[in-house]
């Protein structure tokens, strides 16, 4: 799939947030290559925010972990389905919304995200281990639900502050 056909962003890169704080809405087929492209596009969209290196790294890590989980667990390689990514910016930080129509999360909730060193041998990482541990350490106000056959995960990343400072 050509780069332009794989990704669809509503609007251009705005110098400021649009109504409702929406910076971008992106939809793409759930493949690892498209996740990489979606993250690249997200970081370009966030350019006007003049993010610190730490904030930019945090955003990239959390997006990669969350979006790759959709590719790996919600869909199958034979039927990748679509992913929707919405980025909003406001005083509380960056609000990230991810939607898909793949399989629901086990037990209808996000994995616990235990520290991998607490649950794994040196040769294995448990399902829902390191990725969810990172997401839950870095993100705030996480909500997961499934409605009308659609999964949605929404969370906030505080910008310009250390995640461990109660933000």
C-alpha atoms as a PDB file:
ATOM      1  CA  UNK A   1       0.000   0.000   0.000  1.00  0.00           C
ATOM      2  CA  UNK A   2       1.517   3.378  -0.934  1.00  0.00           C
ATOM      3  CA  UNK A   3       2.446   5.706   1.902  1.00  0.00           C
ATOM      4  CA  UNK A   4      -0.320   8.208   1.087  1.00  0.00           C
ATOM      5  CA  UNK A   5      -2.994   5.521   0.816  1.00  0.00           C
ATOM      6  CA  UNK A   6      -1.915   3.846   4.067  1.00  0.00           C
ATOM      7  CA  UNK A   7      -2.393   6.958   6.154  1.00  0.00           C
ATOM      8  CA  UNK A   8      -5.193   9.486   6.170  1.00  0.00           C
ATOM      9  CA  UNK A   9      -4.843  12.594   8.297  1.00  0.00           C
ATOM     10  CA  UNK A  10      -7.745  15.015   8.522  1.00  0.00           C
ATOM     11  CA  UNK A  11      -6.436  18.529   7.933  1.00  0.00           C
ATOM     12  CA  UNK A  12      -2.847  19.649   7.694  1.00  0.00           C
ATOM     13  CA  UNK A  13      -0.308  20.217  10.414  1.00  0.00           C
ATOM     14  CA  UNK A  14      -1.871  23.066  12.351  1.00  0.00           C
ATOM     15  CA  UNK A  15       0.178  25.802  13.985  1.00  0.00           C
ATOM     16  CA  UNK A  16      -2.223  25.516  16.944  1.00  0.00           C
ATOM     17  CA  UNK A  17      -4.874  23.049  18.010  1.00  0.00           C
ATOM     18  CA  UNK A  18      -8.208  23.012  16.213  1.00  0.00           C
ATOM     19  CA  UNK A  19     -11.602  23.109  17.893  1.00  0.00           C
ATOM     20  CA  UNK A  20     -11.760  20.768  20.857  1.00  0.00           C
ATOM     21  CA  UNK A  21      -7.974  20.660  21.025  1.00  0.00           C
ATOM     22  CA  UNK A  22      -7.769  18.133  18.166  1.00  0.00           C
ATOM     23  CA  UNK A  23      -4.366  18.166  16.542  1.00  0.00           C
ATOM     24  CA  UNK A  24      -4.958  15.256  14.206  1.00  0.00           C
ATOM     25  CA  UNK A  25      -7.160  12.341  13.299  1.00  0.00           C
ATOM     26  CA  UNK A  26      -5.393   9.504  11.536  1.00  0.00           C
ATOM     27  CA  UNK A  27      -6.740   6.183  10.267  1.00  0.00           C
ATOM     28  CA  UNK A  28      -4.604   3.327   8.970  1.00  0.00           C
ATOM     29  CA  UNK A  29      -4.521  -0.418   8.380  1.00  0.00           C
ATOM     30  CA  UNK A  30      -3.160  -2.291  11.397  1.00  0.00           C
ATOM     31  CA  UNK A  31       0.313  -3.307  10.253  1.00  0.00           C
ATOM     32  CA  UNK A  32       3.646  -2.761  11.956  1.00  0.00           C
ATOM     33  CA  UNK A  33       4.852  -0.652   9.016  1.00  0.00           C
ATOM     34  CA  UNK A  34       1.789   1.582   9.255  1.00  0.00           C
ATOM     35  CA  UNK A  35       2.274   1.953  13.017  1.00  0.00           C
ATOM     36  CA  UNK A  36       5.760   3.279  12.330  1.00  0.00           C
ATOM     37  CA  UNK A  37       4.364   5.699   9.731  1.00  0.00           C
ATOM     38  CA  UNK A  38       1.561   6.796  12.080  1.00  0.00           C
ATOM     39  CA  UNK A  39       4.092   7.565  14.828  1.00  0.00           C
ATOM     40  CA  UNK A  40       6.274   9.533  12.399  1.00  0.00           C
ATOM     41  CA  UNK A  41       3.231  11.516  11.255  1.00  0.00           C
ATOM     42  CA  UNK A  42       2.129  12.095  14.873  1.00  0.00           C
ATOM     43  CA  UNK A  43       5.539  13.476  15.785  1.00  0.00           C
ATOM     44  CA  UNK A  44       5.448  15.834  12.785  1.00  0.00           C
ATOM     45  CA  UNK A  45       1.975  16.972  13.839  1.00  0.00           C
ATOM     46  CA  UNK A  46       3.270  17.629  17.363  1.00  0.00           C
ATOM     47  CA  UNK A  47       6.231  19.656  16.065  1.00  0.00           C
ATOM     48  CA  UNK A  48       4.606  23.056  16.744  1.00  0.00           C
ATOM     49  CA  UNK A  49       4.368  22.132  20.449  1.00  0.00           C
ATOM     50  CA  UNK A  50       8.186  22.348  20.690  1.00  0.00           C
ATOM     51  CA  UNK A  51       8.380  19.188  22.831  1.00  0.00           C
ATOM     52  CA  UNK A  52      11.362  18.396  25.007  1.00  0.00           C
ATOM     53  CA  UNK A  53      13.408  15.344  23.998  1.00  0.00           C
ATOM     54  CA  UNK A  54      12.002  13.527  27.049  1.00  0.00           C
ATOM     55  CA  UNK A  55       8.374  14.291  26.126  1.00  0.00           C
ATOM     56  CA  UNK A  56       8.955  13.310  22.490  1.00  0.00           C
ATOM     57  CA  UNK A  57      10.535   9.998  23.559  1.00  0.00           C
ATOM     58  CA  UNK A  58       7.683   9.281  25.976  1.00  0.00           C
ATOM     59  CA  UNK A  59       5.084   9.894  23.272  1.00  0.00           C
ATOM     60  CA  UNK A  60       6.921   7.660  20.793  1.00  0.00           C
ATOM     61  CA  UNK A  61       7.314   4.826  23.321  1.00  0.00           C
ATOM     62  CA  UNK A  62       3.686   4.882  24.446  1.00  0.00           C
ATOM     63  CA  UNK A  63       2.308   5.140  20.907  1.00  0.00           C
ATOM     64  CA  UNK A  64       4.546   2.310  19.712  1.00  0.00           C
ATOM     65  CA  UNK A  65       3.560   0.028  22.584  1.00  0.00           C
ATOM     66  CA  UNK A  66      -0.177   0.740  22.373  1.00  0.00           C
ATOM     67  CA  UNK A  67      -0.469   0.666  18.574  1.00  0.00           C
ATOM     68  CA  UNK A  68       1.726  -2.423  18.171  1.00  0.00           C
ATOM     69  CA  UNK A  69      -0.495  -4.182  20.726  1.00  0.00           C
ATOM     70  CA  UNK A  70      -3.483  -3.505  18.453  1.00  0.00           C
ATOM     71  CA  UNK A  71      -1.626  -4.953  15.462  1.00  0.00           C
ATOM     72  CA  UNK A  72      -0.382  -7.986  17.389  1.00  0.00           C
ATOM     73  CA  UNK A  73      -3.394  -8.848  19.541  1.00  0.00           C
ATOM     74  CA  UNK A  74      -6.587  -7.209  18.248  1.00  0.00           C
ATOM     75  CA  UNK A  75      -6.194  -8.253  14.622  1.00  0.00           C
ATOM     76  CA  UNK A  76      -4.611 -11.085  12.665  1.00  0.00           C
ATOM     77  CA  UNK A  77      -2.038 -10.750   9.867  1.00  0.00           C
ATOM     78  CA  UNK A  78      -4.635 -12.137   7.425  1.00  0.00           C
ATOM     79  CA  UNK A  79      -7.208  -9.482   8.404  1.00  0.00           C
ATOM     80  CA  UNK A  80      -5.418  -6.407   9.785  1.00  0.00           C
ATOM     81  CA  UNK A  81      -8.455  -4.117  10.110  1.00  0.00           C
ATOM     82  CA  UNK A  82      -8.305  -0.389  10.764  1.00  0.00           C
ATOM     83  CA  UNK A  83      -6.947   1.712  13.612  1.00  0.00           C
ATOM     84  CA  UNK A  84      -8.000   5.285  14.391  1.00  0.00           C
ATOM     85  CA  UNK A  85      -5.656   7.584  16.271  1.00  0.00           C
ATOM     86  CA  UNK A  86      -6.747  10.975  17.597  1.00  0.00           C
ATOM     87  CA  UNK A  87      -4.352  13.414  19.264  1.00  0.00           C
ATOM     88  CA  UNK A  88      -5.661  16.320  21.332  1.00  0.00           C
ATOM     89  CA  UNK A  89      -3.657  18.907  23.221  1.00  0.00           C
ATOM     90  CA  UNK A  90      -4.738  20.971  26.184  1.00  0.00           C
ATOM     91  CA  UNK A  91      -3.504  22.363  29.472  1.00  0.00           C
ATOM     92  CA  UNK A  92      -3.386  18.883  31.062  1.00  0.00           C
ATOM     93  CA  UNK A  93      -1.124  17.510  28.317  1.00  0.00           C
ATOM     94  CA  UNK A  94      -1.624  15.291  25.302  1.00  0.00           C
ATOM     95  CA  UNK A  95      -4.797  13.205  25.124  1.00  0.00           C
ATOM     96  CA  UNK A  96      -4.425  10.103  22.966  1.00  0.00           C
ATOM     97  CA  UNK A  97      -7.392   8.107  21.699  1.00  0.00           C
ATOM     98  CA  UNK A  98      -6.952   4.776  19.906  1.00  0.00           C
ATOM     99  CA  UNK A  99      -9.918   2.919  18.381  1.00  0.00           C
ATOM    100  CA  UNK A 100     -10.138  -0.402  16.572  1.00  0.00           C
ATOM    101  CA  UNK A 101     -12.682  -3.104  15.730  1.00  0.00           C
ATOM    102  CA  UNK A 102     -10.428  -6.023  16.571  1.00  0.00           C
ATOM    103  CA  UNK A 103     -10.731  -8.534  19.388  1.00  0.00           C
ATOM    104  CA  UNK A 104     -11.492  -7.085  22.837  1.00  0.00           C
ATOM    105  CA  UNK A 105      -8.897  -7.043  25.587  1.00  0.00           C
ATOM    106  CA  UNK A 106      -8.945 -10.142  27.803  1.00  0.00           C
ATOM    107  CA  UNK A 107     -11.429  -9.797  30.670  1.00  0.00           C
ATOM    108  CA  UNK A 108     -12.586  -6.465  29.203  1.00  0.00           C
ATOM    109  CA  UNK A 109      -9.686  -4.490  30.680  1.00  0.00           C
ATOM    110  CA  UNK A 110      -6.084  -3.562  30.006  1.00  0.00           C
ATOM    111  CA  UNK A 111      -3.445  -5.985  31.285  1.00  0.00           C
ATOM    112  CA  UNK A 112      -2.050  -5.270  34.753  1.00  0.00           C
ATOM    113  CA  UNK A 113       1.324  -4.249  33.385  1.00  0.00           C
ATOM    114  CA  UNK A 114       3.427  -5.747  36.129  1.00  0.00           C
ATOM    115  CA  UNK A 115       7.143  -5.046  36.081  1.00  0.00           C
ATOM    116  CA  UNK A 116       8.668  -7.745  33.849  1.00  0.00           C
ATOM    117  CA  UNK A 117      11.418  -8.484  36.388  1.00  0.00           C
ATOM    118  CA  UNK A 118       8.720  -9.477  38.893  1.00  0.00           C
ATOM    119  CA  UNK A 119       7.026 -12.050  36.653  1.00  0.00           C
ATOM    120  CA  UNK A 120       9.435 -13.404  34.037  1.00  0.00           C
ATOM    121  CA  UNK A 121      12.398 -15.677  33.833  1.00  0.00           C
ATOM    122  CA  UNK A 122      15.461 -14.259  32.136  1.00  0.00           C
ATOM    123  CA  UNK A 123      14.382 -15.928  28.872  1.00  0.00           C
ATOM    124  CA  UNK A 124      10.725 -14.930  28.635  1.00  0.00           C
ATOM    125  CA  UNK A 125       8.517 -11.888  28.921  1.00  0.00           C
ATOM    126  CA  UNK A 126       4.891 -12.470  29.965  1.00  0.00           C
ATOM    127  CA  UNK A 127       2.002 -11.433  27.739  1.00  0.00           C
ATOM    128  CA  UNK A 128       0.928  -7.957  28.779  1.00  0.00           C
ATOM    129  CA  UNK A 129       4.272  -7.492  30.484  1.00  0.00           C
ATOM    130  CA  UNK A 130       6.841  -4.883  29.498  1.00  0.00           C
ATOM    131  CA  UNK A 131       4.710  -2.907  27.031  1.00  0.00           C
ATOM    132  CA  UNK A 132       1.773  -2.416  29.377  1.00  0.00           C
ATOM    133  CA  UNK A 133       4.146  -1.768  32.254  1.00  0.00           C
ATOM    134  CA  UNK A 134       5.681   1.117  30.264  1.00  0.00           C
ATOM    135  CA  UNK A 135       2.320   2.474  29.138  1.00  0.00           C
ATOM    136  CA  UNK A 136       0.925   2.456  32.662  1.00  0.00           C
ATOM    137  CA  UNK A 137       4.064   4.072  34.099  1.00  0.00           C
ATOM    138  CA  UNK A 138       3.973   6.925  31.590  1.00  0.00           C
ATOM    139  CA  UNK A 139       0.265   7.501  30.920  1.00  0.00           C
ATOM    140  CA  UNK A 140      -2.397   9.011  33.172  1.00  0.00           C
ATOM    141  CA  UNK A 141      -6.200   8.803  33.331  1.00  0.00           C
ATOM    142  CA  UNK A 142      -6.379   5.629  31.220  1.00  0.00           C
ATOM    143  CA  UNK A 143      -9.789   4.393  30.114  1.00  0.00           C
ATOM    144  CA  UNK A 144     -10.446   1.241  28.081  1.00  0.00           C
ATOM    145  CA  UNK A 145     -13.883   0.139  26.952  1.00  0.00           C
ATOM    146  CA  UNK A 146     -15.613  -1.695  24.146  1.00  0.00           C
ATOM    147  CA  UNK A 147     -18.830  -0.428  22.671  1.00  0.00           C
ATOM    148  CA  UNK A 148     -20.712  -1.564  19.545  1.00  0.00           C
ATOM    149  CA  UNK A 149     -17.843  -3.853  18.522  1.00  0.00           C
ATOM    150  CA  UNK A 150     -15.227  -1.118  18.840  1.00  0.00           C
ATOM    151  CA  UNK A 151     -12.347  -0.997  21.335  1.00  0.00           C
ATOM    152  CA  UNK A 152     -11.281   2.378  22.562  1.00  0.00           C
ATOM    153  CA  UNK A 153      -8.331   3.292  24.704  1.00  0.00           C
ATOM    154  CA  UNK A 154      -7.951   6.867  25.896  1.00  0.00           C
ATOM    155  CA  UNK A 155      -5.155   8.214  28.076  1.00  0.00           C
ATOM    156  CA  UNK A 156      -3.281  11.390  28.848  1.00  0.00           C
ATOM    157  CA  UNK A 157       0.432  12.106  28.724  1.00  0.00           C
ATOM    158  CA  UNK A 158       1.446  15.082  30.864  1.00  0.00           C
ATOM    159  CA  UNK A 159       3.935  17.219  28.964  1.00  0.00           C
ATOM    160  CA  UNK A 160       6.785  19.159  30.475  1.00  0.00           C
ATOM    161  CA  UNK A 161       6.570  17.386  33.827  1.00  0.00           C
ATOM    162  CA  UNK A 162       7.985  14.203  35.250  1.00  0.00           C
ATOM    163  CA  UNK A 163       5.323  11.421  35.142  1.00  0.00           C
ATOM    164  CA  UNK A 164       6.124  10.438  38.736  1.00  0.00           C
ATOM    165  CA  UNK A 165       5.159  13.836  40.152  1.00  0.00           C
ATOM    166  CA  UNK A 166       1.442  13.093  40.591  1.00  0.00           C
ATOM    167  CA  UNK A 167       0.254  14.773  37.366  1.00  0.00           C
END
